[in-house]
Amino acid sequence: MPEAIYSPEPSFSDEARKAKFQGIVLLMVVVGKDGRPYNIRVRQSLGMGLDEQAIEAVKNWRFRPATFHGQPVATQIVVQVDFHLY
């Protein structure tokens, strides 16, 4: 399985911050052989602009790609992006 090695936190949308809205967005992501995320799609939506914020954050993530017989391979995974106000 791919492993996230760089995963900066997403930004809150203004709308969600004002409403003190929290939750989880699930994204389907293809992690390429190069460890970059591709074909990012929302699997479980949260709304209030947070889906878009999650996608933008994950576009910048980097992964250690999955391997098969020692060679890196592209793999589809589910990524969970948490939005919590502390």
C-alpha atoms as a PDB file:
ATOM      1  CA  MET A   1       0.000   0.000   0.000  1.00  0.00           C
ATOM      2  CA  PRO A   2       1.166   3.546  -0.643  1.00  0.00           C
ATOM      3  CA  GLU A   3       2.251   5.512   2.416  1.00  0.00           C
ATOM      4  CA  ALA A   4       1.865   9.281   2.792  1.00  0.00           C
ATOM      5  CA  ILE A   5       5.283  10.848   3.407  1.00  0.00           C
ATOM      6  CA  TYR A   6       4.235  14.503   3.013  1.00  0.00           C
ATOM      7  CA  SER A   7       0.659  15.452   3.902  1.00  0.00           C
ATOM      8  CA  PRO A   8       0.097  19.121   4.764  1.00  0.00           C
ATOM      9  CA  GLU A   9      -3.165  19.944   6.527  1.00  0.00           C
ATOM     10  CA  PRO A  10      -6.017  21.344   4.420  1.00  0.00           C
ATOM     11  CA  SER A  11      -7.362  24.853   4.915  1.00  0.00           C
ATOM     12  CA  PHE A  12     -10.874  25.442   6.198  1.00  0.00           C
ATOM     13  CA  SER A  13     -13.284  27.271   3.910  1.00  0.00           C
ATOM     14  CA  ASP A  14     -14.533  30.589   5.344  1.00  0.00           C
ATOM     15  CA  GLU A  15     -18.091  29.254   5.243  1.00  0.00           C
ATOM     16  CA  ALA A  16     -17.217  26.158   7.301  1.00  0.00           C
ATOM     17  CA  ARG A  17     -15.113  28.122   9.794  1.00  0.00           C
ATOM     18  CA  LYS A  18     -17.913  30.638  10.449  1.00  0.00           C
ATOM     19  CA  ALA A  19     -20.423  27.793  10.940  1.00  0.00           C
ATOM     20  CA  LYS A  20     -17.911  25.839  13.119  1.00  0.00           C
ATOM     21  CA  PHE A  21     -18.523  22.915  10.744  1.00  0.00           C
ATOM     22  CA  GLN A  22     -16.308  19.830  11.156  1.00  0.00           C
ATOM     23  CA  GLY A  23     -16.073  16.337   9.700  1.00  0.00           C
ATOM     24  CA  ILE A  24     -14.313  13.994   7.308  1.00  0.00           C
ATOM     25  CA  VAL A  25     -13.982  13.960   3.515  1.00  0.00           C
ATOM     26  CA  LEU A  26     -13.094  10.639   1.867  1.00  0.00           C
ATOM     27  CA  LEU A  27     -11.278  10.840  -1.451  1.00  0.00           C
ATOM     28  CA  MET A  28     -10.485   8.148  -4.015  1.00  0.00           C
ATOM     29  CA  VAL A  29      -6.916   8.735  -5.183  1.00  0.00           C
ATOM     30  CA  VAL A  30      -4.643   6.972  -7.641  1.00  0.00           C
ATOM     31  CA  VAL A  31      -1.074   7.086  -6.332  1.00  0.00           C
ATOM     32  CA  GLY A  32       1.236   6.890  -9.322  1.00  0.00           C
ATOM     33  CA  LYS A  33       4.572   5.114  -9.565  1.00  0.00           C
ATOM     34  CA  ASP A  34       6.154   8.508  -8.869  1.00  0.00           C
ATOM     35  CA  GLY A  35       4.291   8.877  -5.552  1.00  0.00           C
ATOM     36  CA  ARG A  36       2.109  11.718  -6.810  1.00  0.00           C
ATOM     37  CA  PRO A  37      -1.687  11.677  -6.460  1.00  0.00           C
ATOM     38  CA  TYR A  38      -3.794  11.517  -9.637  1.00  0.00           C
ATOM     39  CA  ASN A  39      -7.477  11.224 -10.536  1.00  0.00           C
ATOM     40  CA  ILE A  40      -8.718  12.577  -7.185  1.00  0.00           C
ATOM     41  CA  ARG A  41     -12.476  12.094  -6.678  1.00  0.00           C
ATOM     42  CA  VAL A  42     -14.794  12.678  -3.744  1.00  0.00           C
ATOM     43  CA  ARG A  43     -16.123   9.429  -2.279  1.00  0.00           C
ATOM     44  CA  GLN A  44     -17.795  10.923   0.806  1.00  0.00           C
ATOM     45  CA  SER A  45     -18.691  14.596   0.669  1.00  0.00           C
ATOM     46  CA  LEU A  46     -18.793  17.051   3.556  1.00  0.00           C
ATOM     47  CA  GLY A  47     -19.932  20.197   1.748  1.00  0.00           C
ATOM     48  CA  MET A  48     -19.452  23.848   2.738  1.00  0.00           C
ATOM     49  CA  GLY A  49     -16.428  24.112   0.428  1.00  0.00           C
ATOM     50  CA  LEU A  50     -14.473  21.488   2.368  1.00  0.00           C
ATOM     51  CA  ASP A  51     -14.518  18.902  -0.434  1.00  0.00           C
ATOM     52  CA  GLU A  52     -12.632  21.340  -2.654  1.00  0.00           C
ATOM     53  CA  GLN A  53     -10.210  22.203   0.158  1.00  0.00           C
ATOM     54  CA  ALA A  54      -9.514  18.491   0.702  1.00  0.00           C
ATOM     55  CA  ILE A  55      -8.802  17.952  -3.006  1.00  0.00           C
ATOM     56  CA  GLU A  56      -6.455  20.953  -3.124  1.00  0.00           C
ATOM     57  CA  ALA A  57      -4.539  19.698  -0.079  1.00  0.00           C
ATOM     58  CA  VAL A  58      -4.189  16.122  -1.372  1.00  0.00           C
ATOM     59  CA  LYS A  59      -2.908  17.383  -4.745  1.00  0.00           C
ATOM     60  CA  ASN A  60       0.195  18.506  -2.822  1.00  0.00           C
ATOM     61  CA  TRP A  61       0.661  15.282  -0.866  1.00  0.00           C
ATOM     62  CA  ARG A  62       3.463  12.885  -1.712  1.00  0.00           C
ATOM     63  CA  PHE A  63       3.452   9.143  -1.149  1.00  0.00           C
ATOM     64  CA  ARG A  64       5.857   6.254  -1.034  1.00  0.00           C
ATOM     65  CA  PRO A  65       4.282   4.237  -3.873  1.00  0.00           C
ATOM     66  CA  ALA A  66       3.062   0.682  -3.524  1.00  0.00           C
ATOM     67  CA  THR A  67       5.430  -1.956  -4.841  1.00  0.00           C
ATOM     68  CA  PHE A  68       4.939  -5.261  -6.596  1.00  0.00           C
ATOM     69  CA  HIS A  69       7.983  -7.554  -6.889  1.00  0.00           C
ATOM     70  CA  GLY A  70      10.123  -4.639  -5.788  1.00  0.00           C
ATOM     71  CA  GLN A  71       8.886  -2.280  -8.508  1.00  0.00           C
ATOM     72  CA  PRO A  72       6.694   0.786  -7.852  1.00  0.00           C
ATOM     73  CA  VAL A  73       3.135   0.447  -9.162  1.00  0.00           C
ATOM     74  CA  ALA A  74       0.156   2.792  -9.446  1.00  0.00           C
ATOM     75  CA  THR A  75      -2.524   1.974  -6.871  1.00  0.00           C
ATOM     76  CA  GLN A  76      -5.965   3.343  -6.064  1.00  0.00           C
ATOM     77  CA  ILE A  77      -6.566   4.115  -2.389  1.00  0.00           C
ATOM     78  CA  VAL A  78      -9.031   5.931  -0.158  1.00  0.00           C
ATOM     79  CA  VAL A  79      -7.643   8.977   1.638  1.00  0.00           C
ATOM     80  CA  GLN A  80      -9.360  10.394   4.706  1.00  0.00           C
ATOM     81  CA  VAL A  81      -9.057  14.164   5.197  1.00  0.00           C
ATOM     82  CA  ASP A  82     -10.120  15.393   8.641  1.00  0.00           C
ATOM     83  CA  PHE A  83     -11.486  18.866   9.278  1.00  0.00           C
ATOM     84  CA  HIS A  84     -11.562  19.652  12.991  1.00  0.00           C
ATOM     85  CA  LEU A  85     -11.513  22.974  14.793  1.00  0.00           C
ATOM     86  CA  TYR A  86      -9.399  22.819  17.930  1.00  0.00           C
END
